[in-house]
Amino acid sequence: MTLRVNPEQGVQHTFAQVRGADLNSEHGRSQAMTASDDWSMEFEFEDIEIEEDGVHFGSFWGTAELALNDPREADFFVKNIAINGQKRERQTLKGYSLTVMKRTDAVLLLPWPARDNTTFKARLFRKIEAALYASQDARERFAGELEAA
C-alpha cells in the first residue's frame, strides 16, 4: 500500500494488492480512496443457498462485513464473512470409555481470499460473496447506512 497526498483530494491510498489479490481484478474495486473511506458495516444474511452444477451444498446464515468500495458510486465489497454453524466434539462421560458426539454452536470466519486461492473456504467465500452482490436487500441497506453515517 502506498500513501499519496494530493492537496485537492486529500490523502489517497493506492492499493496494489490486498491479501495477495489485485483490487481492480474481478470485482472492480477502486484504487484511489480517501482516508475516511474505510467505513464498513455488518450485514446479517439468512438462507443463502449454494448450488453447483445442480447439486445443493447447503444453506448458510451469518454476518458479512461490507466495506465501502468507491465513494462516488456508493458501492461495497465483501471484506469478511462469518458463517454460523455447529461443531461436533467428542465428550467422554464420567471417565468411562463411552464417548458421545456433541454439537456446539460455532462460527467459521472467512477473510477475503487471494485470487489464486482455490481452497474450499475461498470458493465458499466467493459463492456467498456473489449472492451478496446480487442481493437487492444488501445494496439497499448498505446505501441507507452509508447515507446515515
C-alpha atoms as a PDB file:
ATOM      1  CA  MET A   1       0.000   0.000   0.000  1.00  0.00           C
ATOM      2  CA  THR A   2       1.352   3.399  -0.892  1.00  0.00           C
ATOM      3  CA  LEU A   3       0.158   6.681   0.541  1.00  0.00           C
ATOM      4  CA  ARG A   4      -0.089   9.789  -1.623  1.00  0.00           C
ATOM      5  CA  VAL A   5      -1.113  13.289  -0.597  1.00  0.00           C
ATOM      6  CA  ASN A   6      -2.938  15.371  -3.170  1.00  0.00           C
ATOM      7  CA  PRO A   7      -3.840  18.886  -1.958  1.00  0.00           C
ATOM      8  CA  GLU A   8      -7.135  18.895  -3.890  1.00  0.00           C
ATOM      9  CA  GLN A   9      -8.324  15.410  -2.982  1.00  0.00           C
ATOM     10  CA  GLY A  10      -6.716  14.822   0.408  1.00  0.00           C
ATOM     11  CA  VAL A  11      -4.928  11.642   1.400  1.00  0.00           C
ATOM     12  CA  GLN A  12      -5.281   8.780  -1.071  1.00  0.00           C
ATOM     13  CA  HIS A  13      -4.321   5.153  -0.849  1.00  0.00           C
ATOM     14  CA  THR A  14      -3.310   3.206  -3.912  1.00  0.00           C
ATOM     15  CA  PHE A  15      -3.762  -0.460  -3.157  1.00  0.00           C
ATOM     16  CA  ALA A  16      -1.694  -2.660  -5.415  1.00  0.00           C
ATOM     17  CA  GLN A  17      -2.735  -5.791  -3.582  1.00  0.00           C
ATOM     18  CA  VAL A  18      -4.879  -6.700  -0.620  1.00  0.00           C
ATOM     19  CA  ARG A  19      -4.116 -10.112   0.834  1.00  0.00           C
ATOM     20  CA  GLY A  20      -2.400 -11.051  -2.415  1.00  0.00           C
ATOM     21  CA  ALA A  21      -5.253 -10.173  -4.807  1.00  0.00           C
ATOM     22  CA  ASP A  22      -5.365  -7.337  -7.304  1.00  0.00           C
ATOM     23  CA  LEU A  23      -8.155  -4.896  -6.410  1.00  0.00           C
ATOM     24  CA  ASN A  24      -9.067  -3.966  -9.948  1.00  0.00           C
ATOM     25  CA  SER A  25      -9.493  -7.559 -10.992  1.00  0.00           C
ATOM     26  CA  GLU A  26     -12.775  -9.398 -10.882  1.00  0.00           C
ATOM     27  CA  HIS A  27     -14.717  -7.141  -8.505  1.00  0.00           C
ATOM     28  CA  GLY A  28     -13.808  -3.726  -9.910  1.00  0.00           C
ATOM     29  CA  ARG A  29     -12.601  -2.289  -6.630  1.00  0.00           C
ATOM     30  CA  SER A  30     -11.442   1.311  -6.695  1.00  0.00           C
ATOM     31  CA  GLN A  31      -7.721   2.043  -6.481  1.00  0.00           C
ATOM     32  CA  ALA A  32      -7.977   5.578  -5.084  1.00  0.00           C
ATOM     33  CA  MET A  33      -9.719   6.029  -1.751  1.00  0.00           C
ATOM     34  CA  THR A  34      -9.524   8.809   0.791  1.00  0.00           C
ATOM     35  CA  ALA A  35      -8.501   8.089   4.379  1.00  0.00           C
ATOM     36  CA  SER A  36     -12.117   8.462   5.580  1.00  0.00           C
ATOM     37  CA  ASP A  37     -13.368   5.828   3.125  1.00  0.00           C
ATOM     38  CA  ASP A  38     -12.554   2.830   5.303  1.00  0.00           C
ATOM     39  CA  TRP A  39     -16.157   2.768   6.538  1.00  0.00           C
ATOM     40  CA  SER A  40     -17.845  -0.625   6.746  1.00  0.00           C
ATOM     41  CA  MET A  41     -20.981  -2.211   8.166  1.00  0.00           C
ATOM     42  CA  GLU A  42     -22.134  -5.627   9.281  1.00  0.00           C
ATOM     43  CA  PHE A  43     -24.849  -7.269   7.201  1.00  0.00           C
ATOM     44  CA  GLU A  44     -26.638 -10.326   8.559  1.00  0.00           C
ATOM     45  CA  PHE A  45     -27.681 -12.765   5.861  1.00  0.00           C
ATOM     46  CA  GLU A  46     -30.016 -15.715   6.049  1.00  0.00           C
ATOM     47  CA  ASP A  47     -30.605 -18.793   3.996  1.00  0.00           C
ATOM     48  CA  ILE A  48     -28.104 -18.205   1.205  1.00  0.00           C
ATOM     49  CA  GLU A  49     -28.250 -21.409  -0.801  1.00  0.00           C
ATOM     50  CA  ILE A  50     -25.111 -22.662  -2.509  1.00  0.00           C
ATOM     51  CA  GLU A  51     -25.617 -24.787  -5.589  1.00  0.00           C
ATOM     52  CA  GLU A  52     -23.049 -26.030  -8.094  1.00  0.00           C
ATOM     53  CA  ASP A  53     -23.972 -27.923 -11.271  1.00  0.00           C
ATOM     54  CA  GLY A  54     -27.467 -28.508  -9.901  1.00  0.00           C
ATOM     55  CA  VAL A  55     -26.182 -30.012  -6.641  1.00  0.00           C
ATOM     56  CA  HIS A  56     -27.372 -28.265  -3.468  1.00  0.00           C
ATOM     57  CA  PHE A  57     -24.493 -27.919  -0.990  1.00  0.00           C
ATOM     58  CA  GLY A  58     -26.388 -26.199   1.787  1.00  0.00           C
ATOM     59  CA  SER A  59     -27.955 -23.049   3.145  1.00  0.00           C
ATOM     60  CA  PHE A  60     -25.864 -20.575   5.077  1.00  0.00           C
ATOM     61  CA  TRP A  61     -26.563 -17.967   7.744  1.00  0.00           C
ATOM     62  CA  GLY A  62     -24.124 -15.459   9.135  1.00  0.00           C
ATOM     63  CA  THR A  63     -22.706 -11.958   9.001  1.00  0.00           C
ATOM     64  CA  ALA A  64     -20.689 -10.236   6.292  1.00  0.00           C
ATOM     65  CA  GLU A  65     -18.599  -7.103   6.644  1.00  0.00           C
ATOM     66  CA  LEU A  66     -19.475  -4.830   3.734  1.00  0.00           C
ATOM     67  CA  ALA A  67     -16.863  -2.130   3.151  1.00  0.00           C
ATOM     68  CA  LEU A  68     -17.011   0.995   1.019  1.00  0.00           C
ATOM     69  CA  ASN A  69     -15.557   0.331  -2.423  1.00  0.00           C
ATOM     70  CA  ASP A  70     -15.933   3.603  -4.294  1.00  0.00           C
ATOM     71  CA  PRO A  71     -17.432   6.632  -2.512  1.00  0.00           C
ATOM     72  CA  ARG A  72     -18.517   8.171  -5.831  1.00  0.00           C
ATOM     73  CA  GLU A  73     -20.607   5.107  -6.654  1.00  0.00           C
ATOM     74  CA  ALA A  74     -21.533   4.261  -3.025  1.00  0.00           C
ATOM     75  CA  ASP A  75     -20.999   0.572  -3.728  1.00  0.00           C
ATOM     76  CA  PHE A  76     -19.491  -2.077  -1.472  1.00  0.00           C
ATOM     77  CA  PHE A  77     -17.201  -5.053  -1.458  1.00  0.00           C
ATOM     78  CA  VAL A  78     -17.353  -8.026   0.901  1.00  0.00           C
ATOM     79  CA  LYS A  79     -14.405  -7.837   3.275  1.00  0.00           C
ATOM     80  CA  ASN A  80     -15.067 -10.759   5.641  1.00  0.00           C
ATOM     81  CA  ILE A  81     -17.743 -13.389   6.174  1.00  0.00           C
ATOM     82  CA  ALA A  82     -18.650 -15.157   9.426  1.00  0.00           C
ATOM     83  CA  ILE A  83     -20.821 -18.250   8.920  1.00  0.00           C
ATOM     84  CA  ASN A  84     -22.900 -19.585  11.784  1.00  0.00           C
ATOM     85  CA  GLY A  85     -22.755 -23.328  12.228  1.00  0.00           C
ATOM     86  CA  GLN A  86     -22.137 -26.185  14.597  1.00  0.00           C
ATOM     87  CA  LYS A  87     -19.070 -28.136  15.581  1.00  0.00           C
ATOM     88  CA  ARG A  88     -19.016 -31.784  16.572  1.00  0.00           C
ATOM     89  CA  GLU A  89     -16.983 -32.575  19.669  1.00  0.00           C
ATOM     90  CA  ARG A  90     -16.295 -35.809  21.468  1.00  0.00           C
ATOM     91  CA  GLN A  91     -17.424 -35.836  25.063  1.00  0.00           C
ATOM     92  CA  THR A  92     -16.275 -38.544  27.458  1.00  0.00           C
ATOM     93  CA  LEU A  93     -18.865 -39.372  30.084  1.00  0.00           C
ATOM     94  CA  LYS A  94     -17.676 -39.640  33.707  1.00  0.00           C
ATOM     95  CA  GLY A  95     -14.283 -41.050  32.848  1.00  0.00           C
ATOM     96  CA  TYR A  96     -15.660 -44.092  31.103  1.00  0.00           C
ATOM     97  CA  SER A  97     -14.595 -45.128  27.670  1.00  0.00           C
ATOM     98  CA  LEU A  98     -18.025 -44.186  26.386  1.00  0.00           C
ATOM     99  CA  THR A  99     -17.830 -41.144  24.099  1.00  0.00           C
ATOM    100  CA  VAL A 100     -20.726 -39.158  22.763  1.00  0.00           C
ATOM    101  CA  MET A 101     -20.651 -36.791  19.824  1.00  0.00           C
ATOM    102  CA  LYS A 102     -21.957 -33.449  20.999  1.00  0.00           C
ATOM    103  CA  ARG A 103     -22.850 -30.482  18.786  1.00  0.00           C
ATOM    104  CA  THR A 104     -21.949 -26.968  19.885  1.00  0.00           C
ATOM    105  CA  ASP A 105     -22.514 -23.626  18.186  1.00  0.00           C
ATOM    106  CA  ALA A 106     -19.528 -22.326  16.240  1.00  0.00           C
ATOM    107  CA  VAL A 107     -18.576 -19.604  13.769  1.00  0.00           C
ATOM    108  CA  LEU A 108     -16.397 -20.076  10.696  1.00  0.00           C
ATOM    109  CA  LEU A 109     -14.522 -16.889   9.770  1.00  0.00           C
ATOM    110  CA  LEU A 110     -13.720 -16.413   6.088  1.00  0.00           C
ATOM    111  CA  PRO A 111     -11.421 -13.491   5.236  1.00  0.00           C
ATOM    112  CA  TRP A 112     -11.302 -12.148   1.689  1.00  0.00           C
ATOM    113  CA  PRO A 113      -9.215 -14.753  -0.232  1.00  0.00           C
ATOM    114  CA  ALA A 114      -6.373 -14.136  -2.646  1.00  0.00           C
ATOM    115  CA  ARG A 115      -7.242 -14.578  -6.308  1.00  0.00           C
ATOM    116  CA  ASP A 116      -5.129 -17.722  -6.667  1.00  0.00           C
ATOM    117  CA  ASN A 117      -6.596 -19.324  -3.527  1.00  0.00           C
ATOM    118  CA  THR A 118      -8.699 -22.301  -4.621  1.00  0.00           C
ATOM    119  CA  THR A 119      -9.340 -23.897  -1.231  1.00  0.00           C
ATOM    120  CA  PHE A 120     -12.832 -24.891  -0.149  1.00  0.00           C
ATOM    121  CA  LYS A 121     -13.048 -21.861   2.164  1.00  0.00           C
ATOM    122  CA  ALA A 122     -12.066 -19.484  -0.638  1.00  0.00           C
ATOM    123  CA  ARG A 123     -14.630 -20.972  -3.011  1.00  0.00           C
ATOM    124  CA  LEU A 124     -17.304 -20.830  -0.308  1.00  0.00           C
ATOM    125  CA  PHE A 125     -16.421 -17.171   0.319  1.00  0.00           C
ATOM    126  CA  ARG A 126     -16.761 -16.387  -3.396  1.00  0.00           C
ATOM    127  CA  LYS A 127     -20.155 -18.132  -3.663  1.00  0.00           C
ATOM    128  CA  ILE A 128     -21.575 -16.233  -0.676  1.00  0.00           C
ATOM    129  CA  GLU A 129     -19.937 -13.021  -1.916  1.00  0.00           C
ATOM    130  CA  ALA A 130     -21.648 -13.403  -5.310  1.00  0.00           C
ATOM    131  CA  ALA A 131     -25.012 -13.926  -3.605  1.00  0.00           C
ATOM    132  CA  LEU A 132     -24.481 -10.785  -1.514  1.00  0.00           C
ATOM    133  CA  TYR A 133     -23.588  -8.720  -4.594  1.00  0.00           C
ATOM    134  CA  ALA A 134     -26.809  -9.944  -6.228  1.00  0.00           C
ATOM    135  CA  SER A 135     -28.880  -9.147  -3.120  1.00  0.00           C
ATOM    136  CA  GLN A 136     -31.095  -6.086  -3.507  1.00  0.00           C
ATOM    137  CA  ASP A 137     -31.521  -6.032   0.297  1.00  0.00           C
ATOM    138  CA  ALA A 138     -27.734  -5.839   0.841  1.00  0.00           C
ATOM    139  CA  ARG A 139     -27.393  -2.963  -1.654  1.00  0.00           C
ATOM    140  CA  GLU A 140     -30.304  -1.020  -0.139  1.00  0.00           C
ATOM    141  CA  ARG A 141     -29.169  -1.482   3.454  1.00  0.00           C
ATOM    142  CA  PHE A 142     -25.594  -0.540   2.577  1.00  0.00           C
ATOM    143  CA  ALA A 143     -26.718   2.623   0.790  1.00  0.00           C
ATOM    144  CA  GLY A 144     -29.040   3.539   3.696  1.00  0.00           C
ATOM    145  CA  GLU A 145     -26.387   3.016   6.377  1.00  0.00           C
ATOM    146  CA  LEU A 146     -23.783   4.877   4.309  1.00  0.00           C
ATOM    147  CA  GLU A 147     -26.125   7.819   3.885  1.00  0.00           C
ATOM    148  CA  ALA A 148     -26.851   7.870   7.627  1.00  0.00           C
ATOM    149  CA  ALA A 149     -23.134   7.752   8.504  1.00  0.00           C
END
